[in-house]
Amino acid sequence: MSDSPAGRLQALFEGHRLTPTQRRIAHCMVRRAADAPFLSSVELAELAGVSQPSVTRFAVALGFDGYPALRRHLREVAPPEPAPGEDTGHNEYQQAVLAEIENLRHLAGLLADPAPVERAGRVLAGSRPLLVLGLRAASSQARGFAYFAAKVHPDVRLLDEGGSMLTDRIDAAVRAGATALLCFALPRHPREVVEALEYARAAGLTVVTVAESAFAPVAAHSDLLIPAAVGTGLAFDTACAPMLLGRVLLEAMADGLPDAQARLEQFDAKAAERGLFVE
């Protein structure tokens, strides 16, 4: 994570065993990193949708005497930066775009250490077949990844519909030799996704997850989670950073597939032969 207020907050929370409620508080603070050092316990509780005593217990779980001590610490180690779009000269649409640009900056900082993405790429490249899961808000992310991945990977299986067939399809893939599942998980998190990841790991699959935060509910059921923040300035969340991270993972996976370039060239030749695309 980059040396930003959000990055320093996340570093503070990592390594602690937090309850789901405490992870919710931590996630809220990371998303409101510029404001976090100045929020009262009541304000933070309202923003996170939890009780005020939960905020106090959260601070104690991090090793502080109480929330005031945590807030003093935050003012020392995570001084706020101007929030994107804070300039009153920007309208709400511009502010949403500026917030997404900031999310991309955070992702760029995270990718300064390419090791997690490279590891994920190797895991995904080595799975035959490869499962790609994304339900509800995350279905478009999963579908986009699967579409492009199928051009370089010999067997990609998209899981973008829930229901009782979901575990059946995981079982079928495991029988066929699958060793990994890539999950795109975005808020609000469907219970089915959490249950599917738990089932997949029990079946022996390595789970690689793209989620909005390391404190997302899917974190406990992921072997490797790479965070990419979502924008919350509009009525519906925006997911530019998760989409870009998906393309980065595609690149890393292709690097682990020795015949990826040959497959792409073969596709281009057939597309030209069929007149598939308008020049």
Protein backbone atom coordinates (compact mmCIF):
# COMPACT_ATOMS: atom_id res chain seq x y z
CA MET A 1 0.00 0.00 0.00
CA SER A 2 1.22 3.49 -0.85
CA ASP A 3 2.39 5.96 1.80
CA SER A 4 -0.96 7.74 1.86
CA PRO A 5 -3.39 8.25 4.77
CA ALA A 6 -5.40 5.23 3.58
CA GLY A 7 -2.24 3.17 3.21
CA ARG A 8 -0.99 4.03 6.69
CA LEU A 9 -4.40 3.25 8.18
CA GLN A 10 -4.54 -0.14 6.49
CA ALA A 11 -1.00 -0.92 7.69
CA LEU A 12 -2.16 -0.10 11.24
CA PHE A 13 -5.06 -2.56 11.02
CA GLU A 14 -3.23 -5.43 9.33
CA GLY A 15 -2.03 -8.24 11.58
CA HIS A 16 -4.93 -7.89 14.04
CA ARG A 17 -7.67 -10.49 14.34
CA LEU A 18 -10.75 -8.34 13.89
CA THR A 19 -14.38 -9.38 14.16
CA PRO A 20 -16.71 -8.73 11.19
CA THR A 21 -18.02 -5.61 12.94
CA GLN A 22 -14.48 -4.39 13.57
CA ARG A 23 -13.52 -5.05 9.95
CA ARG A 24 -16.49 -2.91 8.95
CA ILE A 25 -15.19 -0.06 11.12
CA ALA A 26 -11.68 -0.46 9.69
CA HIS A 27 -13.02 -0.44 6.15
CA CYS A 28 -15.01 2.71 6.85
CA MET A 29 -11.93 4.45 8.25
CA VAL A 30 -9.81 3.50 5.23
CA ARG A 31 -12.49 4.87 2.90
CA ARG A 32 -12.68 8.08 4.96
CA ALA A 33 -8.94 8.30 5.64
CA ALA A 34 -8.79 12.09 5.33
CA ASP A 35 -11.51 12.52 7.97
CA ALA A 36 -10.69 9.61 10.28
CA PRO A 37 -8.34 11.45 12.67
CA PHE A 38 -11.08 13.99 13.45
CA LEU A 39 -14.16 11.79 13.75
CA SER A 40 -15.71 11.27 17.17
CA SER A 41 -16.58 7.74 18.20
CA VAL A 42 -20.27 8.56 17.69
CA GLU A 43 -19.65 9.94 14.20
CA LEU A 44 -17.55 6.93 13.22
CA ALA A 45 -20.19 4.57 14.57
CA GLU A 46 -22.86 6.29 12.46
CA LEU A 47 -20.72 6.18 9.32
CA ALA A 48 -19.88 2.48 9.79
CA GLY A 49 -23.40 1.54 10.85
CA VAL A 50 -22.34 0.08 14.19
CA SER A 51 -22.81 0.97 17.85
CA GLN A 52 -20.58 3.42 19.70
CA PRO A 53 -19.35 0.70 22.14
CA SER A 54 -18.24 -1.30 19.08
CA VAL A 55 -15.94 1.57 18.12
CA THR A 56 -14.45 1.55 21.62
CA ARG A 57 -13.90 -2.23 21.49
CA PHE A 58 -12.31 -1.79 18.07
CA ALA A 59 -9.75 0.67 19.46
CA VAL A 60 -8.96 -1.69 22.35
CA ALA A 61 -8.53 -4.59 19.90
CA LEU A 62 -5.84 -2.52 18.18
CA GLY A 63 -3.98 -2.13 21.49
CA PHE A 64 -5.15 1.34 22.55
CA ASP A 65 -6.69 2.32 25.89
CA GLY A 66 -9.77 3.59 24.07
CA TYR A 67 -10.92 5.49 21.02
CA PRO A 68 -9.43 8.88 22.08
CA ALA A 69 -5.98 7.25 22.21
CA LEU A 70 -6.50 5.75 18.75
CA ARG A 71 -7.59 9.11 17.36
CA ARG A 72 -4.51 10.85 18.84
CA HIS A 73 -2.35 8.19 17.22
CA LEU A 74 -4.04 8.72 13.87
CA ARG A 75 -3.37 12.44 13.98
CA GLU A 76 0.33 11.67 14.46
CA VAL A 77 0.82 8.90 11.88
CA ALA A 78 -1.89 9.58 9.30
CA PRO A 79 -2.27 13.34 8.83
CA PRO A 80 -5.06 14.06 6.39
CA GLU A 81 -4.59 15.08 2.78
CA PRO A 82 -7.11 17.17 0.88
CA ALA A 83 -9.97 14.94 -0.17
CA PRO A 84 -10.31 14.50 -3.94
CA GLY A 85 -12.96 16.81 -5.32
CA GLU A 86 -13.06 18.90 -2.15
CA ASP A 87 -12.63 22.08 -4.20
CA THR A 88 -16.06 23.72 -4.33
CA GLY A 89 -15.38 24.52 -8.01
CA HIS A 90 -16.11 20.89 -8.87
CA ASN A 91 -19.64 19.55 -9.24
CA GLU A 92 -20.69 16.15 -7.91
CA TYR A 93 -19.92 14.37 -11.18
CA GLN A 94 -16.42 15.81 -11.33
CA GLN A 95 -15.88 14.89 -7.69
CA ALA A 96 -16.80 11.28 -8.46
CA VAL A 97 -14.25 11.20 -11.29
CA LEU A 98 -11.56 12.77 -9.10
CA ALA A 99 -12.25 10.23 -6.35
CA GLU A 100 -11.79 7.41 -8.88
CA ILE A 101 -8.50 8.94 -9.99
CA GLU A 102 -7.40 8.84 -6.36
CA ASN A 103 -8.43 5.17 -6.15
CA LEU A 104 -6.24 4.48 -9.18
CA ARG A 105 -3.35 6.31 -7.53
CA HIS A 106 -3.72 4.04 -4.49
CA LEU A 107 -3.73 1.00 -6.77
CA ALA A 108 -0.57 2.24 -8.48
CA GLY A 109 1.07 2.55 -5.07
CA LEU A 110 0.03 -0.98 -4.18
CA LEU A 111 1.50 -2.32 -7.42
CA ALA A 112 4.89 -0.84 -6.56
CA ASP A 113 5.42 -4.30 -5.08
CA PRO A 114 4.47 -6.59 -8.00
CA ALA A 115 5.06 -9.82 -6.05
CA PRO A 116 1.40 -10.47 -5.06
CA VAL A 117 0.15 -9.94 -8.62
CA GLU A 118 2.94 -12.07 -10.08
CA ARG A 119 2.15 -14.83 -7.59
CA ALA A 120 -1.55 -14.60 -8.49
CA GLY A 121 -0.69 -14.76 -12.19
CA ARG A 122 1.24 -18.00 -11.70
CA VAL A 123 -1.59 -19.53 -9.66
CA LEU A 124 -4.20 -18.64 -12.29
CA ALA A 125 -2.05 -19.74 -15.22
CA GLY A 126 -1.47 -23.14 -13.64
CA SER A 127 -5.15 -24.02 -13.13
CA ARG A 128 -6.85 -26.22 -15.75
CA PRO A 129 -9.70 -25.30 -15.80
CA LEU A 130 -9.69 -21.82 -14.24
CA LEU A 131 -12.80 -20.70 -12.37
CA VAL A 132 -13.77 -17.00 -12.39
CA LEU A 133 -16.47 -15.99 -9.89
CA GLY A 134 -18.43 -12.75 -9.66
CA LEU A 135 -22.05 -12.28 -8.61
CA ARG A 136 -24.38 -9.28 -8.71
CA ALA A 137 -22.34 -6.04 -8.74
CA ALA A 138 -19.15 -7.97 -9.49
CA SER A 139 -20.56 -10.03 -12.37
CA SER A 140 -19.40 -7.56 -15.03
CA GLN A 141 -15.86 -7.62 -13.65
CA ALA A 142 -15.79 -11.43 -13.71
CA ARG A 143 -17.34 -11.59 -17.18
CA GLY A 144 -14.84 -9.12 -18.61
CA PHE A 145 -11.90 -11.01 -17.14
CA ALA A 146 -13.22 -14.36 -18.39
CA TYR A 147 -13.82 -12.97 -21.90
CA PHE A 148 -10.20 -11.90 -22.34
CA ALA A 149 -8.70 -14.76 -20.35
CA ALA A 150 -10.32 -17.27 -22.72
CA LYS A 151 -8.15 -15.86 -25.53
CA VAL A 152 -4.95 -17.02 -23.83
CA HIS A 153 -6.03 -19.68 -21.30
CA PRO A 154 -7.20 -23.09 -22.60
CA ASP A 155 -10.14 -23.54 -20.20
CA VAL A 156 -11.88 -20.68 -18.40
CA ARG A 157 -15.20 -21.27 -16.63
CA LEU A 158 -17.27 -18.24 -15.63
CA LEU A 159 -19.44 -18.39 -12.51
CA ASP A 160 -21.68 -15.32 -12.67
CA GLU A 161 -24.97 -16.82 -11.49
CA GLY A 162 -25.77 -17.99 -7.98
CA GLY A 163 -28.13 -20.68 -6.85
CA SER A 164 -27.78 -24.34 -5.99
CA MET A 165 -25.86 -25.03 -9.22
CA LEU A 166 -22.93 -22.93 -8.06
CA THR A 167 -21.39 -25.61 -5.85
CA ASP A 168 -22.13 -28.23 -8.50
CA ARG A 169 -20.06 -26.29 -11.01
CA ILE A 170 -17.23 -25.90 -8.52
CA ASP A 171 -17.28 -29.66 -7.92
CA ALA A 172 -17.24 -30.34 -11.68
CA ALA A 173 -14.24 -28.05 -12.17
CA VAL A 174 -12.34 -29.71 -9.32
CA ARG A 175 -12.99 -33.13 -10.87
CA ALA A 176 -11.67 -31.77 -14.17
CA GLY A 177 -8.43 -30.70 -12.49
CA ALA A 178 -9.00 -27.10 -11.39
CA THR A 179 -6.61 -25.83 -8.74
CA ALA A 180 -7.58 -22.13 -8.52
CA LEU A 181 -10.54 -19.76 -8.44
CA LEU A 182 -10.41 -16.02 -9.11
CA CYS A 183 -13.13 -14.05 -7.35
CA PHE A 184 -14.25 -10.47 -7.96
CA ALA A 185 -16.07 -9.34 -4.81
CA LEU A 186 -17.62 -5.88 -4.59
CA PRO A 187 -20.06 -4.33 -2.12
CA ARG A 188 -22.66 -5.18 -1.22
CA HIS A 189 -21.28 -8.67 -0.72
CA PRO A 190 -23.75 -11.48 -1.48
CA ARG A 191 -23.83 -14.20 1.14
CA GLU A 192 -23.56 -16.72 -1.72
CA VAL A 193 -20.10 -15.43 -2.63
CA VAL A 194 -18.75 -15.88 0.90
CA GLU A 195 -20.25 -19.36 1.08
CA ALA A 196 -18.91 -20.27 -2.38
CA LEU A 197 -15.38 -19.23 -1.43
CA GLU A 198 -15.56 -21.23 1.78
CA TYR A 199 -16.75 -24.24 -0.23
CA ALA A 200 -14.05 -23.78 -2.89
CA ARG A 201 -11.23 -23.70 -0.34
CA ALA A 202 -12.63 -26.78 1.39
CA ALA A 203 -12.56 -28.48 -2.03
CA GLY A 204 -8.84 -27.73 -2.31
CA LEU A 205 -8.89 -24.67 -4.59
CA THR A 206 -6.56 -21.73 -4.10
CA VAL A 207 -8.69 -18.59 -3.95
CA VAL A 208 -7.40 -15.31 -5.40
CA THR A 209 -9.71 -12.38 -4.68
CA VAL A 210 -10.08 -8.82 -5.94
CA ALA A 211 -12.08 -6.87 -3.33
CA GLU A 212 -12.52 -3.26 -2.32
CA SER A 213 -10.60 -3.70 0.92
CA ALA A 214 -8.46 -6.16 2.84
CA PHE A 215 -11.23 -6.02 5.45
CA ALA A 216 -13.99 -7.17 3.11
CA PRO A 217 -16.10 -10.15 4.31
CA VAL A 218 -14.45 -12.41 1.69
CA ALA A 219 -10.96 -11.87 3.15
CA ALA A 220 -11.26 -14.75 5.62
CA HIS A 221 -11.92 -17.16 2.75
CA SER A 222 -9.19 -15.96 0.38
CA ASP A 223 -5.64 -17.27 0.06
CA LEU A 224 -4.49 -14.10 -1.72
CA LEU A 225 -6.54 -10.88 -1.64
CA ILE A 226 -5.48 -7.83 -3.64
CA PRO A 227 -7.49 -4.70 -2.76
CA ALA A 228 -8.76 -2.12 -5.23
CA ALA A 229 -11.02 0.60 -3.84
CA VAL A 230 -14.45 1.44 -5.24
CA GLY A 231 -15.88 4.91 -5.61
CA THR A 232 -18.85 5.84 -3.44
CA GLY A 233 -19.63 9.38 -4.57
CA LEU A 234 -22.58 8.46 -6.80
CA ALA A 235 -25.81 6.62 -6.12
CA PHE A 236 -24.15 3.39 -7.30
CA ASP A 237 -20.54 2.45 -6.55
CA THR A 238 -17.97 2.83 -9.32
CA ALA A 239 -15.31 0.17 -9.86
CA CYS A 240 -12.59 1.53 -12.15
CA ALA A 241 -9.75 0.31 -9.93
CA PRO A 242 -11.07 -3.28 -9.62
CA MET A 243 -11.51 -3.41 -13.40
CA LEU A 244 -7.96 -2.20 -14.02
CA LEU A 245 -6.61 -4.64 -11.45
CA GLY A 246 -8.40 -7.41 -13.35
CA ARG A 247 -6.51 -6.41 -16.52
CA VAL A 248 -3.24 -6.36 -14.59
CA LEU A 249 -3.95 -9.90 -13.38
CA LEU A 250 -4.67 -10.90 -16.99
CA GLU A 251 -1.25 -9.61 -17.97
CA ALA A 252 0.43 -11.49 -15.12
CA MET A 253 -1.45 -14.68 -15.99
CA ALA A 254 -0.51 -14.39 -19.68
CA ASP A 255 3.14 -14.07 -18.63
CA GLY A 256 2.77 -17.50 -17.01
CA LEU A 257 1.28 -19.12 -20.13
CA PRO A 258 4.06 -19.98 -22.63
CA ASP A 259 1.65 -20.24 -25.58
CA ALA A 260 -0.34 -17.08 -24.80
CA GLN A 261 1.16 -15.04 -27.64
CA ALA A 262 0.63 -17.86 -30.13
CA ARG A 263 -3.03 -18.11 -29.09
CA LEU A 264 -3.52 -14.37 -29.58
CA GLU A 265 -1.91 -14.46 -33.02
CA GLN A 266 -4.08 -17.41 -33.99
CA PHE A 267 -7.20 -15.55 -32.88
CA ASP A 268 -6.20 -12.44 -34.85
CA ALA A 269 -5.60 -14.52 -37.99
CA LYS A 270 -9.00 -16.21 -37.74
CA ALA A 271 -10.74 -12.92 -36.96
CA ALA A 272 -9.23 -11.37 -40.09
CA GLU A 273 -10.21 -14.39 -42.15
CA ARG A 274 -13.81 -14.14 -40.96
CA GLY A 275 -13.96 -10.35 -41.26
CA LEU A 276 -14.97 -10.29 -37.61
CA PHE A 277 -14.10 -6.65 -36.93
CA VAL A 278 -14.78 -3.50 -38.93
CA GLU A 279 -11.56 -1.82 -40.01
